[in-house]
Amino acid sequence: MPVSGELYERVSNAPTVPQGLPLVILVTGFTDAGNAVSGLIDHLRDVTDPQPIAIYDNDILLDYRARRPVFVFEQDHLSEYRPARLELSLAHDTLGQQFLLLAGYEPDFAWDAFTRTVLDFVDEFSVSGTTWVHSIALPVPHTRPISTTVSGNRKEITASLSVWRPRTQVPGTIGHLLEYRLVERGDRVVGFVLLIPHYLAETENPDAVMTAADRVMGSTGIVVSLDDLREGREAYLEKVNDQVAGNDELRQMVQTLEARYDAFMAGRDPGDMDRFDEGGFDERDLPSADELAAELERYLANRPPGDDDKRSRS
């Protein structure tokens, strides 16, 4: 689609941006397992006081039919309009350290033109390094720490954190394109792919958000408070464990995932995660994400009324 007009507008009263800050890129695209990226965007907007520098034009970049904006309807009138946001901002961490945050939706259109604008910002502000995150669903158990696949050119991070290193073709995201162009230029960049349990991929998973935040902090040196997320994570995992414990089929499924995961982590080739055939486990033994989700929903539907209230009081 031909691009007409500027992709973004510079904010007239934007703060002065120091040179050499790290850039964090968080954009929600076709996959956001566990709401890891969208949850981290919300958290950083709450705790880092981001001040917009440039606001991207939705009318050029966004497909409204695919991702419709939200209106608030109150009885007989519309009281609020909430358009999508894609902004470059200057943010401050808990210690007062500054960093650049590009956050919002993944552009539907004009990827090449959008990428050029980001590279221009990297040059203008002499960005010290770029970090981006996204998440995918894999058949892994929620009872183990969330693992990561790492890409980019920061070999020390790849060596220490990249658990799964396949050679495969993947559906592209704007993060992939930005990383590819940055590596071409020799700029420092690291991308984190969080591997989220496939049966929890459609839930708002605070554990995924905390892992995303931890990876960002580790690669940039910024420090962000996670207290609210930590409380939510404990409550979330308690609820999931309660559901699994109350259903024999779910419990057996999770145990199978645990055994396969542990076998892999005990020393398998990181490029071999799709083959967990030792110990009697076969790919056909795994439930699909839809089957697991259906089991969880069926379990909840069959619980006696008020059971949640009883548990919360116990």
C-alpha atoms as a PDB file:
ATOM      1  CA  MET A   1       0.000   0.000   0.000  1.00  0.00           C
ATOM      2  CA  PRO A   2       1.517   3.386  -0.957  1.00  0.00           C
ATOM      3  CA  VAL A   3       2.226   5.545   2.080  1.00  0.00           C
ATOM      4  CA  SER A   4       0.890   9.073   1.950  1.00  0.00           C
ATOM      5  CA  GLY A   5       1.822  11.563   4.649  1.00  0.00           C
ATOM      6  CA  GLU A   6       4.072  11.241   7.674  1.00  0.00           C
ATOM      7  CA  LEU A   7       3.871   8.019   9.659  1.00  0.00           C
ATOM      8  CA  TYR A   8       4.181   9.858  12.957  1.00  0.00           C
ATOM      9  CA  GLU A   9       3.892  13.263  14.562  1.00  0.00           C
ATOM     10  CA  ARG A  10       6.579  14.656  16.823  1.00  0.00           C
ATOM     11  CA  VAL A  11       5.168  15.880  20.121  1.00  0.00           C
ATOM     12  CA  SER A  12       5.722  19.625  20.400  1.00  0.00           C
ATOM     13  CA  ASN A  13       6.391  19.640  24.156  1.00  0.00           C
ATOM     14  CA  ALA A  14       8.322  16.357  24.230  1.00  0.00           C
ATOM     15  CA  PRO A  15      11.112  16.033  26.786  1.00  0.00           C
ATOM     16  CA  THR A  16      14.745  16.299  25.749  1.00  0.00           C
ATOM     17  CA  VAL A  17      16.143  12.849  25.030  1.00  0.00           C
ATOM     18  CA  PRO A  18      19.715  12.157  26.218  1.00  0.00           C
ATOM     19  CA  GLN A  19      22.024  10.362  23.818  1.00  0.00           C
ATOM     20  CA  GLY A  20      22.941   6.723  24.281  1.00  0.00           C
ATOM     21  CA  LEU A  21      19.825   5.334  26.006  1.00  0.00           C
ATOM     22  CA  PRO A  22      18.610   1.751  25.511  1.00  0.00           C
ATOM     23  CA  LEU A  23      15.488   1.206  23.400  1.00  0.00           C
ATOM     24  CA  VAL A  24      12.769  -1.278  24.425  1.00  0.00           C
ATOM     25  CA  ILE A  25      10.302  -2.341  21.720  1.00  0.00           C
ATOM     26  CA  LEU A  26       7.007  -3.937  22.757  1.00  0.00           C
ATOM     27  CA  VAL A  27       4.399  -4.347  20.019  1.00  0.00           C
ATOM     28  CA  THR A  28       1.403  -6.689  20.026  1.00  0.00           C
ATOM     29  CA  GLY A  29       1.051  -8.653  16.822  1.00  0.00           C
ATOM     30  CA  PHE A  30      -0.618 -11.842  15.668  1.00  0.00           C
ATOM     31  CA  THR A  31       0.697 -13.800  18.654  1.00  0.00           C
ATOM     32  CA  ASP A  32       0.971 -12.695  22.274  1.00  0.00           C
ATOM     33  CA  ALA A  33       0.783 -15.919  24.254  1.00  0.00           C
ATOM     34  CA  GLY A  34      -0.126 -15.321  27.865  1.00  0.00           C
ATOM     35  CA  ASN A  35      -0.595 -11.626  27.092  1.00  0.00           C
ATOM     36  CA  ALA A  36       3.103 -11.259  27.906  1.00  0.00           C
ATOM     37  CA  VAL A  37       3.719  -8.241  25.673  1.00  0.00           C
ATOM     38  CA  SER A  38       0.413  -6.443  26.180  1.00  0.00           C
ATOM     39  CA  GLY A  39       0.673  -7.025  29.930  1.00  0.00           C
ATOM     40  CA  LEU A  40       4.195  -5.602  30.045  1.00  0.00           C
ATOM     41  CA  ILE A  41       3.117  -2.578  27.989  1.00  0.00           C
ATOM     42  CA  ASP A  42       0.365  -1.865  30.509  1.00  0.00           C
ATOM     43  CA  HIS A  43       2.740  -2.354  33.430  1.00  0.00           C
ATOM     44  CA  LEU A  44       5.449  -0.070  32.042  1.00  0.00           C
ATOM     45  CA  ARG A  45       2.897   2.610  31.183  1.00  0.00           C
ATOM     46  CA  ASP A  46       1.751   2.456  34.807  1.00  0.00           C
ATOM     47  CA  VAL A  47       5.136   2.506  36.557  1.00  0.00           C
ATOM     48  CA  THR A  48       7.639   4.284  34.259  1.00  0.00           C
ATOM     49  CA  ASP A  49       5.778   7.534  33.477  1.00  0.00           C
ATOM     50  CA  PRO A  50       6.469   7.415  29.710  1.00  0.00           C
ATOM     51  CA  GLN A  51       6.471  10.859  28.066  1.00  0.00           C
ATOM     52  CA  PRO A  52       5.569  10.666  24.338  1.00  0.00           C
ATOM     53  CA  ILE A  53       8.158  11.822  21.834  1.00  0.00           C
ATOM     54  CA  ALA A  54       6.485  10.648  18.626  1.00  0.00           C
ATOM     55  CA  ILE A  55       2.945   9.342  18.048  1.00  0.00           C
ATOM     56  CA  TYR A  56       2.328   7.109  15.032  1.00  0.00           C
ATOM     57  CA  ASP A  57      -0.648   7.692  12.732  1.00  0.00           C
ATOM     58  CA  ASN A  58      -3.279   4.978  13.126  1.00  0.00           C
ATOM     59  CA  ASP A  59      -4.961   5.924   9.848  1.00  0.00           C
ATOM     60  CA  ILE A  60      -1.810   4.928   7.954  1.00  0.00           C
ATOM     61  CA  LEU A  61      -0.595   1.938   9.963  1.00  0.00           C
ATOM     62  CA  LEU A  62      -3.696   0.292  11.456  1.00  0.00           C
ATOM     63  CA  ASP A  63      -6.335  -1.980   9.919  1.00  0.00           C
ATOM     64  CA  TYR A  64      -9.434  -0.916  11.845  1.00  0.00           C
ATOM     65  CA  ARG A  65     -11.441  -3.893  10.564  1.00  0.00           C
ATOM     66  CA  ALA A  66      -9.003  -6.326  12.160  1.00  0.00           C
ATOM     67  CA  ARG A  67      -8.424  -4.416  15.406  1.00  0.00           C
ATOM     68  CA  ARG A  68     -11.323  -2.156  16.147  1.00  0.00           C
ATOM     69  CA  PRO A  69     -11.011   0.705  18.625  1.00  0.00           C
ATOM     70  CA  VAL A  70     -13.051   0.624  21.822  1.00  0.00           C
ATOM     71  CA  PHE A  71     -15.933   2.921  22.713  1.00  0.00           C
ATOM     72  CA  VAL A  72     -17.591   3.037  26.127  1.00  0.00           C
ATOM     73  CA  PHE A  73     -21.387   2.958  25.888  1.00  0.00           C
ATOM     74  CA  GLU A  74     -23.314   4.188  28.933  1.00  0.00           C
ATOM     75  CA  GLN A  75     -27.042   3.444  28.708  1.00  0.00           C
ATOM     76  CA  ASP A  76     -27.872   5.907  25.926  1.00  0.00           C
ATOM     77  CA  HIS A  77     -24.657   7.637  24.897  1.00  0.00           C
ATOM     78  CA  LEU A  78     -20.987   7.091  24.076  1.00  0.00           C
ATOM     79  CA  SER A  79     -18.856   8.439  26.904  1.00  0.00           C
ATOM     80  CA  GLU A  80     -15.323   7.482  25.862  1.00  0.00           C
ATOM     81  CA  TYR A  81     -13.263   6.651  22.778  1.00  0.00           C
ATOM     82  CA  ARG A  82     -10.112   4.580  23.216  1.00  0.00           C
ATOM     83  CA  PRO A  83      -8.065   4.510  20.005  1.00  0.00           C
ATOM     84  CA  ALA A  84      -5.089   2.208  19.657  1.00  0.00           C
ATOM     85  CA  ARG A  85      -1.708   3.716  20.579  1.00  0.00           C
ATOM     86  CA  LEU A  86       1.730   3.268  19.061  1.00  0.00           C
ATOM     87  CA  GLU A  87       4.196   5.724  20.573  1.00  0.00           C
ATOM     88  CA  LEU A  88       7.866   6.330  21.118  1.00  0.00           C
ATOM     89  CA  SER A  89       8.336   7.646  24.652  1.00  0.00           C
ATOM     90  CA  LEU A  90      10.987   8.599  27.154  1.00  0.00           C
ATOM     91  CA  ALA A  91      10.492   6.546  30.322  1.00  0.00           C
ATOM     92  CA  HIS A  92      12.081   6.364  33.786  1.00  0.00           C
ATOM     93  CA  ASP A  93      12.702   3.201  35.784  1.00  0.00           C
ATOM     94  CA  THR A  94      12.456   2.763  39.547  1.00  0.00           C
ATOM     95  CA  LEU A  95      15.979   4.167  40.048  1.00  0.00           C
ATOM     96  CA  GLY A  96      15.348   7.167  37.799  1.00  0.00           C
ATOM     97  CA  GLN A  97      17.307   5.729  34.879  1.00  0.00           C
ATOM     98  CA  GLN A  98      15.933   6.799  31.513  1.00  0.00           C
ATOM     99  CA  PHE A  99      15.201   4.587  28.538  1.00  0.00           C
ATOM    100  CA  LEU A 100      13.287   4.790  25.273  1.00  0.00           C
ATOM    101  CA  LEU A 101      10.060   2.800  24.952  1.00  0.00           C
ATOM    102  CA  LEU A 102       8.387   2.053  21.617  1.00  0.00           C
ATOM    103  CA  ALA A 103       5.111   0.405  22.589  1.00  0.00           C
ATOM    104  CA  GLY A 104       1.693  -0.328  21.194  1.00  0.00           C
ATOM    105  CA  TYR A 105       0.199  -2.259  18.313  1.00  0.00           C
ATOM    106  CA  GLU A 106       2.160  -3.930  15.541  1.00  0.00           C
ATOM    107  CA  PRO A 107       1.605  -1.959  12.301  1.00  0.00           C
ATOM    108  CA  ASP A 108      -0.643  -3.702   9.809  1.00  0.00           C
ATOM    109  CA  PHE A 109       0.733  -1.682   6.891  1.00  0.00           C
ATOM    110  CA  ALA A 110       3.921   0.042   5.707  1.00  0.00           C
ATOM    111  CA  TRP A 111       6.397  -2.211   7.506  1.00  0.00           C
ATOM    112  CA  ASP A 112       9.393  -1.008   5.504  1.00  0.00           C
ATOM    113  CA  ALA A 113       8.503   2.646   5.974  1.00  0.00           C
ATOM    114  CA  PHE A 114       7.856   2.108   9.684  1.00  0.00           C
ATOM    115  CA  THR A 115      11.177   0.289  10.087  1.00  0.00           C
ATOM    116  CA  ARG A 116      13.005   3.205   8.475  1.00  0.00           C
ATOM    117  CA  THR A 117      11.497   5.599  11.018  1.00  0.00           C
ATOM    118  CA  VAL A 118      12.670   3.406  13.903  1.00  0.00           C
ATOM    119  CA  LEU A 119      16.185   3.186  12.464  1.00  0.00           C
ATOM    120  CA  ASP A 120      16.158   6.973  12.121  1.00  0.00           C
ATOM    121  CA  PHE A 121      15.289   7.307  15.811  1.00  0.00           C
ATOM    122  CA  VAL A 122      18.074   4.852  16.691  1.00  0.00           C
ATOM    123  CA  ASP A 123      20.513   7.096  14.823  1.00  0.00           C
ATOM    124  CA  GLU A 124      19.096  10.382  16.102  1.00  0.00           C
ATOM    125  CA  PHE A 125      19.328   9.347  19.752  1.00  0.00           C
ATOM    126  CA  SER A 126      22.474   7.171  19.415  1.00  0.00           C
ATOM    127  CA  VAL A 127      20.619   4.248  20.967  1.00  0.00           C
ATOM    128  CA  SER A 128      22.998   2.038  22.951  1.00  0.00           C
ATOM    129  CA  GLY A 129      21.099  -1.172  22.220  1.00  0.00           C
ATOM    130  CA  THR A 130      17.634  -2.446  21.323  1.00  0.00           C
ATOM    131  CA  THR A 131      15.605  -5.097  23.157  1.00  0.00           C
ATOM    132  CA  TRP A 132      12.314  -6.560  21.961  1.00  0.00           C
ATOM    133  CA  VAL A 133      10.048  -9.320  23.263  1.00  0.00           C
ATOM    134  CA  HIS A 134       7.276 -11.530  21.996  1.00  0.00           C
ATOM    135  CA  SER A 135       5.749 -14.842  23.086  1.00  0.00           C
ATOM    136  CA  ILE A 136       4.547 -18.061  21.487  1.00  0.00           C
ATOM    137  CA  ALA A 137       2.684 -21.133  22.692  1.00  0.00           C
ATOM    138  CA  LEU A 138       4.523 -24.458  23.082  1.00  0.00           C
ATOM    139  CA  PRO A 139       3.661 -27.778  24.775  1.00  0.00           C
ATOM    140  CA  VAL A 140       5.500 -27.039  28.016  1.00  0.00           C
ATOM    141  CA  PRO A 141       4.222 -27.308  31.620  1.00  0.00           C
ATOM    142  CA  HIS A 142       3.262 -24.320  33.739  1.00  0.00           C
ATOM    143  CA  THR A 143       5.021 -25.951  36.694  1.00  0.00           C
ATOM    144  CA  ARG A 144       8.433 -25.151  35.224  1.00  0.00           C
ATOM    145  CA  PRO A 145      10.054 -21.720  34.715  1.00  0.00           C
ATOM    146  CA  ILE A 146       9.133 -20.018  31.444  1.00  0.00           C
ATOM    147  CA  SER A 147      11.949 -20.607  28.958  1.00  0.00           C
ATOM    148  CA  THR A 148      13.253 -18.312  26.262  1.00  0.00           C
ATOM    149  CA  THR A 149      14.597 -18.413  22.745  1.00  0.00           C
ATOM    150  CA  VAL A 150      17.045 -15.571  22.117  1.00  0.00           C
ATOM    151  CA  SER A 151      17.981 -13.959  18.807  1.00  0.00           C
ATOM    152  CA  GLY A 152      20.094 -10.988  17.746  1.00  0.00           C
ATOM    153  CA  ASN A 153      23.810 -10.339  18.064  1.00  0.00           C
ATOM    154  CA  ARG A 154      24.414 -10.232  21.823  1.00  0.00           C
ATOM    155  CA  LYS A 155      26.094 -13.608  22.098  1.00  0.00           C
ATOM    156  CA  GLU A 156      26.562 -13.464  25.859  1.00  0.00           C
ATOM    157  CA  ILE A 157      22.797 -13.306  26.372  1.00  0.00           C
ATOM    158  CA  THR A 158      22.099 -16.021  23.816  1.00  0.00           C
ATOM    159  CA  ALA A 159      24.606 -18.324  25.491  1.00  0.00           C
ATOM    160  CA  SER A 160      23.126 -17.888  28.967  1.00  0.00           C
ATOM    161  CA  LEU A 161      19.377 -17.687  28.282  1.00  0.00           C
ATOM    162  CA  SER A 162      18.481 -19.341  24.969  1.00  0.00           C
ATOM    163  CA  VAL A 163      16.980 -22.749  25.764  1.00  0.00           C
ATOM    164  CA  TRP A 164      15.431 -23.681  22.410  1.00  0.00           C
ATOM    165  CA  ARG A 165      17.476 -23.035  19.262  1.00  0.00           C
ATOM    166  CA  PRO A 166      15.607 -24.470  16.286  1.00  0.00           C
ATOM    167  CA  ARG A 167      16.366 -23.981  12.611  1.00  0.00           C
ATOM    168  CA  THR A 168      12.957 -23.281  11.128  1.00  0.00           C
ATOM    169  CA  GLN A 169      10.798 -20.814   9.248  1.00  0.00           C
ATOM    170  CA  VAL A 170       8.643 -18.554  11.397  1.00  0.00           C
ATOM    171  CA  PRO A 171       5.805 -16.157  10.597  1.00  0.00           C
ATOM    172  CA  GLY A 172       7.379 -12.725  10.661  1.00  0.00           C
ATOM    173  CA  THR A 173       6.607  -9.912  13.061  1.00  0.00           C
ATOM    174  CA  ILE A 174       7.709  -6.303  12.871  1.00  0.00           C
ATOM    175  CA  GLY A 175      10.138  -7.144  15.675  1.00  0.00           C
ATOM    176  CA  HIS A 176      11.839  -9.683  13.431  1.00  0.00           C
ATOM    177  CA  LEU A 177      12.189  -7.123  10.642  1.00  0.00           C
ATOM    178  CA  LEU A 178      13.551  -4.467  12.991  1.00  0.00           C
ATOM    179  CA  GLU A 179      16.070  -6.925  14.448  1.00  0.00           C
ATOM    180  CA  TYR A 180      17.126  -8.047  10.962  1.00  0.00           C
ATOM    181  CA  ARG A 181      17.768  -4.463   9.830  1.00  0.00           C
ATOM    182  CA  LEU A 182      19.593  -3.550  13.032  1.00  0.00           C
ATOM    183  CA  VAL A 183      21.883  -6.577  12.746  1.00  0.00           C
ATOM    184  CA  GLU A 184      22.578  -5.665   9.109  1.00  0.00           C
ATOM    185  CA  ARG A 185      23.882  -2.307  10.335  1.00  0.00           C
ATOM    186  CA  GLY A 186      25.899  -3.806  13.159  1.00  0.00           C
ATOM    187  CA  ASP A 187      23.738  -2.257  15.918  1.00  0.00           C
ATOM    188  CA  ARG A 188      23.361  -4.077  19.235  1.00  0.00           C
ATOM    189  CA  VAL A 189      20.016  -5.877  19.414  1.00  0.00           C
ATOM    190  CA  VAL A 190      18.497  -8.804  21.274  1.00  0.00           C
ATOM    191  CA  GLY A 191      15.098 -10.422  20.827  1.00  0.00           C
ATOM    192  CA  PHE A 192      13.399 -12.668  23.390  1.00  0.00           C
ATOM    193  CA  VAL A 193      10.740 -15.223  22.489  1.00  0.00           C
ATOM    194  CA  LEU A 194       8.960 -16.508  25.601  1.00  0.00           C
ATOM    195  CA  LEU A 195       7.799 -20.143  25.404  1.00  0.00           C
ATOM    196  CA  ILE A 196       4.381 -20.140  27.088  1.00  0.00           C
ATOM    197  CA  PRO A 197       2.377 -23.278  28.038  1.00  0.00           C
ATOM    198  CA  HIS A 198       0.016 -23.747  25.115  1.00  0.00           C
ATOM    199  CA  TYR A 199      -2.987 -24.503  27.332  1.00  0.00           C
ATOM    200  CA  LEU A 200      -2.573 -21.108  29.057  1.00  0.00           C
ATOM    201  CA  ALA A 201      -1.763 -19.097  25.930  1.00  0.00           C
ATOM    202  CA  GLU A 202      -5.172 -17.402  25.788  1.00  0.00           C
ATOM    203  CA  THR A 203      -5.137 -16.312  29.430  1.00  0.00           C
ATOM    204  CA  GLU A 204      -3.713 -13.207  31.064  1.00  0.00           C
ATOM    205  CA  ASN A 205      -0.678 -14.824  32.630  1.00  0.00           C
ATOM    206  CA  PRO A 206       1.218 -12.649  35.150  1.00  0.00           C
ATOM    207  CA  ASP A 207       4.070 -15.182  35.116  1.00  0.00           C
ATOM    208  CA  ALA A 208       4.588 -14.441  31.409  1.00  0.00           C
ATOM    209  CA  VAL A 209       4.581 -10.690  32.042  1.00  0.00           C
ATOM    210  CA  MET A 210       7.097 -11.043  34.879  1.00  0.00           C
ATOM    211  CA  THR A 211       9.386 -13.155  32.692  1.00  0.00           C
ATOM    212  CA  ALA A 212       9.191 -10.592  29.894  1.00  0.00           C
ATOM    213  CA  ALA A 213      10.047  -7.827  32.362  1.00  0.00           C
ATOM    214  CA  ASP A 214      12.949  -9.840  33.765  1.00  0.00           C
ATOM    215  CA  ARG A 215      14.423 -10.366  30.287  1.00  0.00           C
ATOM    216  CA  VAL A 216      14.125  -6.666  29.468  1.00  0.00           C
ATOM    217  CA  MET A 217      15.753  -5.652  32.741  1.00  0.00           C
ATOM    218  CA  GLY A 218      18.579  -8.132  32.266  1.00  0.00           C
ATOM    219  CA  SER A 219      19.445  -6.885  28.794  1.00  0.00           C
ATOM    220  CA  THR A 220      19.099  -3.140  29.447  1.00  0.00           C
ATOM    221  CA  GLY A 221      20.081  -2.620  33.092  1.00  0.00           C
ATOM    222  CA  ILE A 222      16.837  -0.826  33.911  1.00  0.00           C
ATOM    223  CA  VAL A 223      15.013  -1.712  37.135  1.00  0.00           C
ATOM    224  CA  VAL A 224      11.217  -1.920  37.307  1.00  0.00           C
ATOM    225  CA  SER A 225       9.056  -2.724  40.324  1.00  0.00           C
ATOM    226  CA  LEU A 226       7.237  -6.054  39.918  1.00  0.00           C
ATOM    227  CA  ASP A 227       5.423  -6.241  43.257  1.00  0.00           C
ATOM    228  CA  ASP A 228       1.915  -6.043  41.765  1.00  0.00           C
ATOM    229  CA  LEU A 229       2.765  -8.626  39.121  1.00  0.00           C
ATOM    230  CA  ARG A 230       4.265 -10.939  41.729  1.00  0.00           C
ATOM    231  CA  GLU A 231       1.066 -10.914  43.776  1.00  0.00           C
ATOM    232  CA  GLY A 232      -1.003 -11.574  40.670  1.00  0.00           C
ATOM    233  CA  ARG A 233       1.322 -14.385  39.612  1.00  0.00           C
ATOM    234  CA  GLU A 234       0.913 -16.236  42.910  1.00  0.00           C
ATOM    235  CA  ALA A 235      -2.873 -16.007  42.775  1.00  0.00           C
ATOM    236  CA  TYR A 236      -2.950 -17.046  39.124  1.00  0.00           C
ATOM    237  CA  LEU A 237      -0.740 -20.119  39.564  1.00  0.00           C
ATOM    238  CA  GLU A 238      -2.676 -21.140  42.664  1.00  0.00           C
ATOM    239  CA  LYS A 239      -5.888 -21.097  40.650  1.00  0.00           C
ATOM    240  CA  VAL A 240      -4.373 -23.093  37.777  1.00  0.00           C
ATOM    241  CA  ASN A 241      -2.883 -25.665  40.157  1.00  0.00           C
ATOM    242  CA  ASP A 242      -6.228 -25.979  41.904  1.00  0.00           C
ATOM    243  CA  GLN A 243      -7.944 -26.689  38.595  1.00  0.00           C
ATOM    244  CA  VAL A 244      -5.360 -29.268  37.592  1.00  0.00           C
ATOM    245  CA  ALA A 245      -5.390 -31.029  40.989  1.00  0.00           C
ATOM    246  CA  GLY A 246      -9.145 -31.439  40.805  1.00  0.00           C
ATOM    247  CA  ASN A 247      -9.138 -33.231  37.449  1.00  0.00           C
ATOM    248  CA  ASP A 248      -7.371 -36.560  36.901  1.00  0.00           C
ATOM    249  CA  GLU A 249      -7.060 -36.152  33.143  1.00  0.00           C
ATOM    250  CA  LEU A 250      -5.573 -32.672  33.441  1.00  0.00           C
ATOM    251  CA  ARG A 251      -3.145 -33.844  36.102  1.00  0.00           C
ATOM    252  CA  GLN A 252      -1.954 -36.704  33.896  1.00  0.00           C
ATOM    253  CA  MET A 253      -1.528 -34.349  30.952  1.00  0.00           C
ATOM    254  CA  VAL A 254       0.601 -31.932  32.973  1.00  0.00           C
ATOM    255  CA  GLN A 255       2.715 -34.790  34.336  1.00  0.00           C
ATOM    256  CA  THR A 256       3.397 -35.938  30.777  1.00  0.00           C
ATOM    257  CA  LEU A 257       4.464 -32.424  29.816  1.00  0.00           C
ATOM    258  CA  GLU A 258       6.712 -32.243  32.881  1.00  0.00           C
ATOM    259  CA  ALA A 259       8.468 -35.513  32.050  1.00  0.00           C
ATOM    260  CA  ARG A 260       9.066 -34.457  28.452  1.00  0.00           C
ATOM    261  CA  TYR A 261      10.296 -31.029  29.491  1.00  0.00           C
ATOM    262  CA  ASP A 262      12.652 -32.435  32.148  1.00  0.00           C
ATOM    263  CA  ALA A 263      14.045 -34.971  29.679  1.00  0.00           C
ATOM    264  CA  PHE A 264      14.828 -32.177  27.264  1.00  0.00           C
ATOM    265  CA  MET A 265      16.366 -29.885  29.886  1.00  0.00           C
ATOM    266  CA  ALA A 266      18.543 -32.735  31.200  1.00  0.00           C
ATOM    267  CA  GLY A 267      20.773 -32.515  28.170  1.00  0.00           C
ATOM    268  CA  ARG A 268      19.025 -32.761  24.835  1.00  0.00           C
ATOM    269  CA  ASP A 269      20.177 -30.790  21.823  1.00  0.00           C
ATOM    270  CA  PRO A 270      18.386 -27.389  21.955  1.00  0.00           C
ATOM    271  CA  GLY A 271      17.434 -27.900  18.308  1.00  0.00           C
ATOM    272  CA  ASP A 272      15.607 -31.127  19.154  1.00  0.00           C
ATOM    273  CA  MET A 273      12.719 -29.904  21.282  1.00  0.00           C
ATOM    274  CA  ASP A 274      10.122 -31.499  19.006  1.00  0.00           C
ATOM    275  CA  ARG A 275      11.356 -35.030  19.748  1.00  0.00           C
ATOM    276  CA  PHE A 276      10.638 -36.261  23.278  1.00  0.00           C
ATOM    277  CA  ASP A 277      10.264 -39.948  22.471  1.00  0.00           C
ATOM    278  CA  GLU A 278      12.405 -41.408  25.271  1.00  0.00           C
ATOM    279  CA  GLY A 279      10.736 -42.726  28.389  1.00  0.00           C
ATOM    280  CA  GLY A 280       7.622 -43.783  26.552  1.00  0.00           C
ATOM    281  CA  PHE A 281       6.455 -40.264  25.683  1.00  0.00           C
ATOM    282  CA  ASP A 282       5.356 -39.616  22.152  1.00  0.00           C
ATOM    283  CA  GLU A 283       4.011 -36.489  20.429  1.00  0.00           C
ATOM    284  CA  ARG A 284       0.666 -38.254  20.094  1.00  0.00           C
ATOM    285  CA  ASP A 285       0.452 -38.492  23.896  1.00  0.00           C
ATOM    286  CA  LEU A 286       0.203 -34.710  24.149  1.00  0.00           C
ATOM    287  CA  PRO A 287      -3.195 -33.051  24.270  1.00  0.00           C
ATOM    288  CA  SER A 288      -3.786 -30.141  21.976  1.00  0.00           C
ATOM    289  CA  ALA A 289      -4.187 -26.644  23.369  1.00  0.00           C
ATOM    290  CA  ASP A 290      -7.881 -26.779  22.488  1.00  0.00           C
ATOM    291  CA  GLU A 291      -8.308 -30.065  24.368  1.00  0.00           C
ATOM    292  CA  LEU A 292      -6.619 -28.709  27.479  1.00  0.00           C
ATOM    293  CA  ALA A 293      -8.595 -25.472  27.346  1.00  0.00           C
ATOM    294  CA  ALA A 294     -11.812 -27.461  26.957  1.00  0.00           C
ATOM    295  CA  GLU A 295     -10.902 -29.582  29.978  1.00  0.00           C
ATOM    296  CA  LEU A 296     -10.245 -26.491  32.093  1.00  0.00           C
ATOM    297  CA  GLU A 297     -13.512 -24.910  31.004  1.00  0.00           C
ATOM    298  CA  ARG A 298     -15.422 -28.147  31.674  1.00  0.00           C
ATOM    299  CA  TYR A 299     -13.854 -28.398  35.110  1.00  0.00           C
ATOM    300  CA  LEU A 300     -14.848 -24.859  36.001  1.00  0.00           C
ATOM    301  CA  ALA A 301     -18.364 -25.335  34.646  1.00  0.00           C
ATOM    302  CA  ASN A 302     -18.867 -28.438  36.805  1.00  0.00           C
ATOM    303  CA  ARG A 303     -17.703 -26.879  40.054  1.00  0.00           C
ATOM    304  CA  PRO A 304     -20.465 -26.346  42.622  1.00  0.00           C
ATOM    305  CA  PRO A 305     -21.833 -22.779  42.808  1.00  0.00           C
ATOM    306  CA  GLY A 306     -19.947 -20.662  45.317  1.00  0.00           C
ATOM    307  CA  ASP A 307     -16.952 -23.002  45.395  1.00  0.00           C
ATOM    308  CA  ASP A 308     -14.552 -20.160  44.632  1.00  0.00           C
ATOM    309  CA  ASP A 309     -15.922 -18.167  47.567  1.00  0.00           C
ATOM    310  CA  LYS A 310     -15.492 -21.138  49.908  1.00  0.00           C
ATOM    311  CA  ARG A 311     -11.883 -21.594  48.835  1.00  0.00           C
ATOM    312  CA  SER A 312     -11.076 -17.905  49.232  1.00  0.00           C
ATOM    313  CA  ARG A 313     -12.369 -18.020  52.823  1.00  0.00           C
ATOM    314  CA  SER A 314     -10.483 -21.163  53.757  1.00  0.00           C
END
